[in-house]
Amino acid sequence: MWKLIGKSALVLGLLAGGCGGAGHPVSRRAASAIDLAQSTGVTAGDRIDGLDLALDAQGNLHAVWRHTHGREGASRGRLMYRRGSGKPLRWSAPVVISTVAPGMPQVVARANGVHVFAGPRLHHWQLTEPGRVHEHGALLDRAAPQVDAFDALAAGNGISIVFRTSPLRSGLGLYGLHWTQGGAAAPRPIAQALPSSSPGRAVPKLHGAAGRLLAIWTETRSSGAFDASSGVTSFQARDEILASWSTDGGVHWSPPARVASTPGSDVAAVAVADSGGSPVVFYAAHGVFSSHWQGNAWSPAAQRADHSAQSAPGATDITAVTAASCEGAPAVAWADARHRRTDRRWWNPLGGAPWSDNPDWANNDVFVIERAFARQAGGPRPQRLTQDGSYTGEIAMTARDGRLVVLHSGQARVGKSRHDANAAPHLLQSLVPCS
């Protein structure tokens, strides 16, 4: 009997992940020596989120993020900006865009300056040399649907924005609008969700491809199956990744088409990059997946990274994903918890004594594959960009001078929760060669 119990405990311990596991080997770390938030007054208990990054026609980088104090949210927050330029890459002094952080910011670089948008009414700021901030007010008035999440992109003679409305106020829907120096046009509907749908976790994305605009978003849908023998209807939720095209700068949009469906797994984030002139949608579900536009339809979903080759605990716990095209090939970066610390052991799969309600730690890591479609033995090998025991919340990435510039926000040390180690948040830069 004791032998049977011992064997059962061993099996449970392996299923529970042992002591964290090293997982599939990854290549050496890229340097993350520069902390863009170091001189901005962040302290332990603060939060950095809403990260976005843009590249202008001259090769300058423009980074924005939201810095909130403690648990008090936007009432005690700031929107921050830094400009990166030169060879080697150097960053300007931090600029405070606003002392109120109404929501996650987005940045767009145009010839007439850098534009930043944030908040449920799409508040607009413009930065001109040398870091002067001009406030333009909100793009949406109080009669317009309130914004829940959005993305912005330089397009044509202005800036195009795609946004998801708040379902609690106006019903779930996706809209687009176009801003020029003359002002913002009225929002135009792209898609309305089914009555049984709810917004997914992923922020909608807007991408420019061959003179067209591509909108990508998610919806959580529920479907029921009736079992006549038992008289029971069972329901299953699935996330749908949807896409719509515009050939006239966002005035008209094609009917939504399904990119992928993920039964039993929600989509945490989506990202888009070009591959040979066609867009590729990357998404984080129970792993990192992609679907490629084939000219008239989306390809079947393909699993990326190395999750199929290793079984470390937390490896499929993906919380962020971003993508960029570098030297004509798509690159993808994401955060997963394959190196998550845990109190679980083979002899104590529940952790603690006699068990623990919270055996797993909060740490995760950032990984990047500079050529996501490269054919290598065992699949492309990701580079790990972060240190042991750290946490990453958001990632932004673009390509510049043959290298990927990856920004990732988080904390250098965490415990069972993000604030156990009393570490101030950071915003790190990693540089990864495209090949």
Protein backbone atom coordinates (compact mmCIF):
# COMPACT_ATOMS: atom_id res chain seq x y z
CA MET A 1 0.00 0.00 0.00
CA TRP A 2 2.76 2.43 0.92
CA LYS A 3 4.48 1.70 -2.39
CA LEU A 4 1.26 2.54 -4.19
CA ILE A 5 0.90 5.81 -2.26
CA GLY A 6 4.51 6.70 -2.99
CA LYS A 7 4.11 6.08 -6.71
CA SER A 8 0.90 8.11 -6.76
CA ALA A 9 2.59 11.02 -5.02
CA LEU A 10 5.43 10.90 -7.54
CA VAL A 11 3.01 11.01 -10.47
CA LEU A 12 1.07 13.88 -8.88
CA GLY A 13 4.30 15.73 -8.23
CA LEU A 14 5.35 15.46 -11.86
CA LEU A 15 1.95 16.62 -13.02
CA ALA A 16 2.09 19.51 -10.59
CA GLY A 17 5.40 20.63 -11.99
CA GLY A 18 7.88 19.54 -9.33
CA CYS A 19 9.96 22.49 -8.19
CA GLY A 20 9.47 24.61 -11.25
CA GLY A 21 11.53 22.83 -13.89
CA ALA A 22 14.03 24.33 -16.25
CA GLY A 23 11.89 23.62 -19.30
CA HIS A 24 13.15 23.47 -22.87
CA PRO A 25 16.61 25.05 -23.18
CA VAL A 26 16.72 28.57 -24.54
CA SER A 27 19.59 30.59 -25.91
CA ARG A 28 21.50 33.15 -23.86
CA ARG A 29 19.87 36.33 -22.62
CA ALA A 30 20.00 39.59 -24.50
CA ALA A 31 21.23 42.57 -22.50
CA SER A 32 18.60 44.54 -20.55
CA ALA A 33 20.86 47.13 -18.97
CA ILE A 34 18.79 50.28 -19.58
CA ASP A 35 15.84 51.10 -17.31
CA LEU A 36 13.80 53.90 -18.89
CA ALA A 37 11.81 54.42 -15.69
CA GLN A 38 14.80 54.72 -13.37
CA SER A 39 14.76 58.53 -13.15
CA THR A 40 10.98 59.00 -13.15
CA GLY A 41 10.31 58.72 -9.42
CA VAL A 42 8.86 55.21 -9.31
CA THR A 43 8.73 53.55 -5.91
CA ALA A 44 7.76 50.15 -4.53
CA GLY A 45 4.01 49.62 -4.83
CA ASP A 46 3.76 51.70 -8.03
CA ARG A 47 2.77 50.21 -11.37
CA ILE A 48 3.94 50.75 -14.96
CA ASP A 49 1.51 49.66 -17.66
CA GLY A 50 -0.08 50.80 -20.89
CA LEU A 51 3.27 50.53 -22.69
CA ASP A 52 3.48 51.51 -26.36
CA LEU A 53 6.32 52.15 -28.81
CA ALA A 54 6.46 53.81 -32.25
CA LEU A 55 9.17 54.34 -34.88
CA ASP A 56 9.17 57.45 -37.09
CA ALA A 57 10.44 57.90 -40.64
CA GLN A 58 13.81 59.21 -39.41
CA GLY A 59 14.46 56.15 -37.23
CA ASN A 60 13.60 57.80 -33.91
CA LEU A 61 11.79 55.80 -31.26
CA HIS A 62 8.90 57.13 -29.19
CA ALA A 63 7.92 55.31 -26.00
CA VAL A 64 4.90 56.08 -23.81
CA TRP A 65 3.64 54.41 -20.68
CA ARG A 66 1.37 54.93 -17.71
CA HIS A 67 2.80 55.20 -14.21
CA THR A 68 0.27 54.89 -11.39
CA HIS A 69 0.96 55.26 -7.69
CA GLY A 70 0.04 52.37 -5.46
CA ARG A 71 -3.54 51.16 -5.71
CA GLU A 72 -5.10 54.57 -6.29
CA GLY A 73 -5.24 54.22 -10.08
CA ALA A 74 -5.54 57.10 -12.51
CA SER A 75 -6.33 59.64 -9.77
CA ARG A 76 -2.64 59.54 -8.88
CA GLY A 77 -0.97 58.62 -12.14
CA ARG A 78 1.09 60.11 -14.96
CA LEU A 79 1.51 59.54 -18.65
CA MET A 80 5.23 59.45 -19.49
CA TYR A 81 7.22 59.82 -22.73
CA ARG A 82 10.84 59.30 -23.86
CA ARG A 83 12.46 59.66 -27.27
CA GLY A 84 15.19 57.32 -28.51
CA SER A 85 17.62 58.33 -31.26
CA GLY A 86 21.18 58.03 -32.55
CA LYS A 87 23.72 55.24 -32.95
CA PRO A 88 24.15 53.80 -30.41
CA LEU A 89 20.58 54.27 -29.25
CA ARG A 90 20.20 56.90 -26.54
CA TRP A 91 17.06 58.11 -24.78
CA SER A 92 16.03 61.67 -23.97
CA ALA A 93 15.05 62.82 -20.51
CA PRO A 94 11.55 61.71 -19.43
CA VAL A 95 8.65 64.03 -20.28
CA VAL A 96 5.40 64.09 -18.29
CA ILE A 97 2.56 64.26 -20.80
CA SER A 98 -0.18 64.44 -18.19
CA THR A 99 -0.45 64.25 -14.41
CA VAL A 100 -3.74 62.39 -14.82
CA ALA A 101 -3.54 58.94 -16.40
CA PRO A 102 -7.07 58.28 -17.71
CA GLY A 103 -6.22 54.95 -19.36
CA MET A 104 -3.72 52.96 -21.38
CA PRO A 105 -1.90 55.27 -23.87
CA GLN A 106 -1.09 54.75 -27.53
CA VAL A 107 1.58 56.69 -29.45
CA VAL A 108 1.71 57.56 -33.17
CA ALA A 109 4.65 59.33 -34.86
CA ARG A 110 3.98 61.63 -37.82
CA ALA A 111 5.89 64.38 -39.61
CA ASN A 112 4.00 67.06 -37.64
CA GLY A 113 4.94 65.58 -34.27
CA VAL A 114 4.22 62.74 -31.89
CA HIS A 115 0.60 62.08 -30.96
CA VAL A 116 -0.55 60.33 -27.78
CA PHE A 117 -4.08 59.14 -27.06
CA ALA A 118 -5.56 57.74 -23.84
CA GLY A 119 -8.77 57.30 -21.92
CA PRO A 120 -12.44 56.47 -22.53
CA ARG A 121 -12.93 59.61 -24.67
CA LEU A 122 -9.61 59.29 -26.55
CA HIS A 123 -7.92 62.31 -25.04
CA HIS A 124 -5.27 63.68 -27.41
CA TRP A 125 -1.85 65.24 -26.78
CA GLN A 126 0.76 66.29 -29.35
CA LEU A 127 4.49 66.57 -28.64
CA THR A 128 6.78 68.80 -30.69
CA GLU A 129 10.46 69.64 -30.33
CA PRO A 130 11.97 69.97 -27.79
CA GLY A 131 9.45 67.80 -25.92
CA ARG A 132 6.72 70.44 -25.70
CA VAL A 133 3.26 69.03 -24.98
CA HIS A 134 0.13 70.49 -26.58
CA GLU A 135 -3.24 69.30 -25.28
CA HIS A 136 -5.99 68.93 -27.91
CA GLY A 137 -8.79 67.59 -25.71
CA ALA A 138 -10.94 64.52 -26.38
CA LEU A 139 -11.75 63.11 -29.83
CA LEU A 140 -15.09 61.74 -28.65
CA ASP A 141 -17.85 63.79 -27.04
CA ARG A 142 -20.15 62.51 -24.31
CA ALA A 143 -22.73 61.36 -26.83
CA ALA A 144 -20.27 58.95 -28.45
CA PRO A 145 -19.80 55.38 -27.21
CA GLN A 146 -17.25 55.09 -24.41
CA VAL A 147 -13.94 53.43 -25.26
CA ASP A 148 -12.95 50.25 -23.47
CA ALA A 149 -9.72 49.49 -25.42
CA PHE A 150 -8.16 50.81 -28.64
CA ASP A 151 -5.21 50.96 -31.03
CA ALA A 152 -3.93 53.82 -33.22
CA LEU A 153 -1.90 53.94 -36.44
CA ALA A 154 -0.55 56.59 -38.82
CA ALA A 155 -2.54 56.21 -42.05
CA GLY A 156 -2.87 58.40 -45.13
CA ASN A 157 -3.23 62.06 -44.21
CA GLY A 158 -3.80 61.46 -40.53
CA ILE A 159 -4.25 58.85 -37.82
CA SER A 160 -6.69 55.94 -37.81
CA ILE A 161 -8.03 54.51 -34.57
CA VAL A 162 -9.96 51.31 -33.92
CA PHE A 163 -11.71 51.00 -30.57
CA ARG A 164 -13.92 48.62 -28.64
CA THR A 165 -16.83 50.10 -26.73
CA SER A 166 -17.67 49.41 -23.12
CA PRO A 167 -20.47 46.81 -23.05
CA LEU A 168 -21.81 48.14 -19.75
CA ARG A 169 -22.67 51.50 -21.30
CA SER A 170 -23.35 51.08 -24.98
CA GLY A 171 -23.26 47.40 -25.93
CA LEU A 172 -20.20 45.63 -27.23
CA GLY A 173 -19.04 46.85 -30.62
CA LEU A 174 -15.97 47.75 -32.63
CA TYR A 175 -15.63 51.19 -34.24
CA GLY A 176 -13.10 53.10 -36.29
CA LEU A 177 -12.39 56.79 -36.75
CA HIS A 178 -9.89 58.92 -38.64
CA TRP A 179 -8.21 62.07 -37.29
CA THR A 180 -6.59 64.82 -39.36
CA GLN A 181 -5.41 68.33 -38.51
CA GLY A 182 -8.96 69.43 -39.25
CA GLY A 183 -10.37 67.21 -36.50
CA ALA A 184 -11.80 63.74 -36.04
CA ALA A 185 -14.45 62.22 -38.28
CA ALA A 186 -17.48 60.57 -36.70
CA PRO A 187 -16.88 56.98 -35.55
CA ARG A 188 -17.92 54.32 -38.03
CA PRO A 189 -19.05 50.85 -36.94
CA ILE A 190 -16.84 47.93 -37.93
CA ALA A 191 -18.74 45.12 -36.19
CA GLN A 192 -21.38 44.58 -33.53
CA ALA A 193 -21.01 41.59 -31.24
CA LEU A 194 -23.63 38.90 -30.84
CA PRO A 195 -25.99 39.42 -27.86
CA SER A 196 -24.42 36.44 -26.06
CA SER A 197 -20.86 37.72 -26.55
CA SER A 198 -18.57 39.56 -24.18
CA PRO A 199 -15.28 41.38 -24.83
CA GLY A 200 -12.17 39.27 -24.69
CA ARG A 201 -9.06 40.18 -22.70
CA ALA A 202 -7.06 41.12 -25.78
CA VAL A 203 -6.78 44.76 -26.84
CA PRO A 204 -7.87 45.25 -30.49
CA LYS A 205 -5.08 45.87 -33.00
CA LEU A 206 -4.86 47.98 -36.15
CA HIS A 207 -2.34 47.15 -38.86
CA GLY A 208 -1.43 48.67 -42.22
CA ALA A 209 -0.83 46.19 -45.02
CA ALA A 210 -0.34 46.97 -48.74
CA GLY A 211 -2.39 50.17 -48.60
CA ARG A 212 -5.17 48.58 -46.58
CA LEU A 213 -6.10 48.69 -42.91
CA LEU A 214 -6.58 45.49 -40.96
CA ALA A 215 -8.50 45.42 -37.67
CA ILE A 216 -8.04 42.43 -35.35
CA TRP A 217 -10.11 41.87 -32.19
CA THR A 218 -11.52 39.13 -29.97
CA GLU A 219 -14.91 38.18 -28.61
CA THR A 220 -15.81 35.59 -26.00
CA ARG A 221 -18.78 33.52 -27.18
CA SER A 222 -20.77 30.84 -25.43
CA SER A 223 -22.46 27.92 -27.16
CA GLY A 224 -24.66 25.16 -25.76
CA ALA A 225 -25.02 21.48 -26.66
CA PHE A 226 -28.18 19.60 -25.61
CA ASP A 227 -27.88 15.97 -24.52
CA ALA A 228 -31.24 14.30 -25.19
CA SER A 229 -30.46 11.29 -23.01
CA SER A 230 -29.84 13.34 -19.88
CA GLY A 231 -31.91 16.39 -20.76
CA VAL A 232 -28.93 18.59 -19.86
CA THR A 233 -27.53 21.45 -21.92
CA SER A 234 -23.81 22.01 -21.43
CA PHE A 235 -22.20 25.34 -22.30
CA GLN A 236 -18.68 26.02 -23.48
CA ALA A 237 -16.99 29.39 -23.85
CA ARG A 238 -14.55 30.07 -26.65
CA ASP A 239 -12.64 33.12 -27.79
CA GLU A 240 -13.02 34.11 -31.42
CA ILE A 241 -10.28 36.12 -33.12
CA LEU A 242 -11.91 38.25 -35.83
CA ALA A 243 -10.58 40.41 -38.67
CA SER A 244 -11.94 43.11 -40.95
CA TRP A 245 -10.32 45.00 -43.87
CA SER A 246 -10.70 48.59 -45.07
CA THR A 247 -9.46 49.75 -48.47
CA ASP A 248 -10.51 53.41 -48.10
CA GLY A 249 -8.71 54.50 -44.93
CA GLY A 250 -11.34 53.25 -42.50
CA VAL A 251 -14.49 54.65 -44.10
CA HIS A 252 -15.88 51.22 -44.97
CA TRP A 253 -15.00 47.81 -43.54
CA SER A 254 -15.46 44.28 -44.80
CA PRO A 255 -17.71 41.83 -42.89
CA PRO A 256 -15.83 40.24 -39.98
CA ALA A 257 -14.01 37.00 -40.77
CA ARG A 258 -12.80 34.44 -38.26
CA VAL A 259 -9.02 34.18 -37.91
CA ALA A 260 -9.01 31.51 -35.22
CA SER A 261 -11.13 29.99 -32.46
CA THR A 262 -9.88 28.77 -29.07
CA PRO A 263 -12.42 26.52 -27.29
CA GLY A 264 -11.72 26.29 -23.57
CA SER A 265 -8.93 28.88 -23.63
CA ASP A 266 -9.18 32.64 -23.61
CA VAL A 267 -6.92 34.86 -25.70
CA ALA A 268 -4.77 37.11 -23.51
CA ALA A 269 -3.31 39.27 -26.31
CA VAL A 270 -2.98 39.57 -30.09
CA ALA A 271 -0.26 41.12 -32.27
CA VAL A 272 0.28 41.60 -36.01
CA ALA A 273 3.43 41.70 -38.16
CA ASP A 274 4.22 41.36 -41.88
CA SER A 275 5.74 38.34 -43.55
CA GLY A 276 6.56 38.78 -47.21
CA GLY A 277 4.02 41.58 -47.54
CA SER A 278 1.18 39.63 -45.90
CA PRO A 279 0.08 40.05 -42.28
CA VAL A 280 0.55 37.37 -39.64
CA VAL A 281 -1.61 37.41 -36.51
CA PHE A 282 0.10 36.10 -33.37
CA TYR A 283 -2.00 35.38 -30.32
CA ALA A 284 -1.50 34.17 -26.78
CA ALA A 285 -3.90 31.47 -25.66
CA HIS A 286 -2.68 28.18 -24.10
CA GLY A 287 0.57 28.86 -25.94
CA VAL A 288 1.75 31.18 -28.71
CA PHE A 289 -0.02 30.63 -32.04
CA SER A 290 -0.15 32.33 -35.42
CA SER A 291 -2.36 32.55 -38.49
CA HIS A 292 -1.12 33.87 -41.85
CA TRP A 293 -3.20 35.81 -44.41
CA GLN A 294 -3.06 33.80 -47.63
CA GLY A 295 -4.64 36.32 -50.00
CA ASN A 296 -8.24 35.27 -49.59
CA ALA A 297 -8.40 33.46 -46.23
CA TRP A 298 -6.54 32.93 -42.95
CA SER A 299 -4.38 29.86 -42.58
CA PRO A 300 -5.09 27.25 -39.90
CA ALA A 301 -3.57 28.11 -36.55
CA ALA A 302 0.04 27.01 -36.04
CA GLN A 303 1.79 26.76 -32.71
CA ARG A 304 4.94 28.87 -32.43
CA ALA A 305 7.79 29.07 -29.92
CA ASP A 306 8.77 25.76 -28.34
CA HIS A 307 5.80 24.88 -26.17
CA SER A 308 5.12 21.60 -27.93
CA ALA A 309 8.68 20.47 -27.19
CA GLN A 310 8.69 21.05 -23.44
CA SER A 311 6.30 20.64 -20.55
CA ALA A 312 7.55 22.98 -17.84
CA PRO A 313 4.76 24.22 -15.53
CA GLY A 314 3.45 27.62 -16.57
CA ALA A 315 4.91 27.39 -20.08
CA THR A 316 1.49 27.84 -21.61
CA ASP A 317 0.50 30.60 -19.18
CA ILE A 318 1.01 33.41 -21.72
CA THR A 319 0.16 36.91 -20.51
CA ALA A 320 1.49 39.18 -23.27
CA VAL A 321 2.55 38.97 -26.90
CA THR A 322 3.92 41.49 -29.40
CA ALA A 323 5.29 41.21 -32.93
CA ALA A 324 7.31 43.17 -35.48
CA SER A 325 8.78 42.66 -38.93
CA CYS A 326 12.58 42.77 -39.00
CA GLU A 327 14.48 42.45 -42.30
CA GLY A 328 11.36 41.06 -43.97
CA ALA A 329 10.70 38.33 -41.42
CA PRO A 330 8.21 38.36 -38.55
CA ALA A 331 9.54 38.34 -34.99
CA VAL A 332 7.48 37.58 -31.91
CA ALA A 333 8.04 38.25 -28.19
CA TRP A 334 5.90 37.08 -25.30
CA ALA A 335 5.83 36.51 -21.54
CA ASP A 336 5.35 33.04 -20.08
CA ALA A 337 5.87 31.35 -16.71
CA ARG A 338 7.86 28.22 -17.64
CA HIS A 339 10.43 29.13 -14.94
CA ARG A 340 7.76 29.93 -12.34
CA ARG A 341 8.87 29.26 -8.78
CA THR A 342 6.67 27.00 -6.72
CA ASP A 343 6.44 25.40 -3.29
CA ARG A 344 5.27 22.16 -4.90
CA ARG A 345 7.58 19.13 -4.58
CA TRP A 346 7.28 15.58 -5.78
CA TRP A 347 6.65 14.48 -2.21
CA ASN A 348 4.23 17.39 -1.58
CA PRO A 349 2.44 18.26 -4.84
CA LEU A 350 0.11 20.73 -3.11
CA GLY A 351 2.93 22.66 -1.42
CA GLY A 352 3.06 23.89 2.17
CA ALA A 353 2.22 21.92 5.30
CA PRO A 354 -0.05 20.09 4.90
CA TRP A 355 -0.88 22.09 1.75
CA SER A 356 -0.90 25.66 0.50
CA ASP A 357 -3.68 27.79 -0.95
CA ASN A 358 -1.05 29.70 -2.92
CA PRO A 359 1.90 27.41 -3.76
CA ASP A 360 3.04 29.19 -6.95
CA TRP A 361 5.03 32.40 -7.23
CA ALA A 362 4.31 35.39 -9.48
CA ASN A 363 7.49 35.38 -11.59
CA ASN A 364 7.57 34.99 -15.37
CA ASP A 365 9.95 35.82 -18.21
CA VAL A 366 10.11 37.51 -21.61
CA PHE A 367 11.16 35.44 -24.63
CA VAL A 368 11.74 36.49 -28.22
CA ILE A 369 12.18 34.64 -31.50
CA GLU A 370 13.74 36.95 -34.06
CA ARG A 371 12.61 34.80 -37.00
CA ALA A 372 9.38 33.15 -36.00
CA PHE A 373 9.05 31.07 -39.17
CA ALA A 374 12.67 29.92 -39.42
CA ARG A 375 13.07 26.19 -39.93
CA GLN A 376 15.40 24.81 -37.29
CA ALA A 377 15.77 21.39 -35.72
CA GLY A 378 13.15 21.19 -33.00
CA GLY A 379 11.66 24.55 -34.00
CA PRO A 380 12.94 28.10 -33.48
CA ARG A 381 14.72 28.59 -30.17
CA PRO A 382 13.62 31.59 -28.12
CA GLN A 383 15.98 33.96 -26.35
CA ARG A 384 15.22 34.71 -22.73
CA LEU A 385 15.47 38.44 -21.96
CA THR A 386 14.75 38.58 -18.23
CA GLN A 387 16.40 37.52 -14.97
CA ASP A 388 15.34 34.75 -12.60
CA GLY A 389 12.57 35.70 -10.18
CA SER A 390 11.38 38.77 -12.13
CA TYR A 391 7.95 39.70 -13.46
CA THR A 392 6.90 41.25 -16.78
CA GLY A 393 3.50 42.79 -17.38
CA GLU A 394 3.62 44.33 -20.85
CA ILE A 395 5.90 44.23 -23.90
CA ALA A 396 6.35 46.54 -26.90
CA MET A 397 8.68 45.89 -29.82
CA THR A 398 9.81 47.40 -33.11
CA ALA A 399 12.73 46.93 -35.49
CA ARG A 400 15.49 49.54 -35.95
CA ASP A 401 18.86 49.30 -37.73
CA GLY A 402 18.76 45.51 -38.06
CA ARG A 403 17.86 44.94 -34.41
CA LEU A 404 14.69 44.42 -32.44
CA VAL A 405 14.13 46.98 -29.71
CA VAL A 406 12.10 45.25 -27.01
CA LEU A 407 10.69 47.24 -24.09
CA HIS A 408 9.19 45.32 -21.18
CA SER A 409 7.70 46.63 -17.95
CA GLY A 410 7.63 44.79 -14.65
CA GLN A 411 9.65 44.22 -11.49
CA ALA A 412 13.09 42.80 -10.85
CA ARG A 413 11.92 40.66 -7.92
CA VAL A 414 8.56 39.22 -6.93
CA GLY A 415 7.29 36.69 -4.42
CA LYS A 416 3.93 34.97 -4.19
CA SER A 417 2.46 38.27 -5.34
CA ARG A 418 3.98 41.08 -7.37
CA HIS A 419 4.54 43.30 -4.33
CA ASP A 420 6.01 40.78 -1.84
CA ALA A 421 9.62 41.70 -2.68
CA ASN A 422 9.01 45.46 -2.20
CA ALA A 423 10.69 46.20 -5.56
CA ALA A 424 9.99 49.32 -7.60
CA PRO A 425 8.72 48.77 -11.14
CA HIS A 426 11.09 49.07 -14.07
CA LEU A 427 10.91 49.55 -17.84
CA LEU A 428 13.77 47.65 -19.47
CA GLN A 429 15.22 47.83 -22.97
CA SER A 430 16.59 44.75 -24.73
CA LEU A 431 18.30 44.78 -28.14
CA VAL A 432 18.16 41.59 -30.20
CA PRO A 433 19.79 41.17 -33.66
CA CYS A 434 17.26 40.29 -36.34
CA SER A 435 19.28 37.28 -37.43
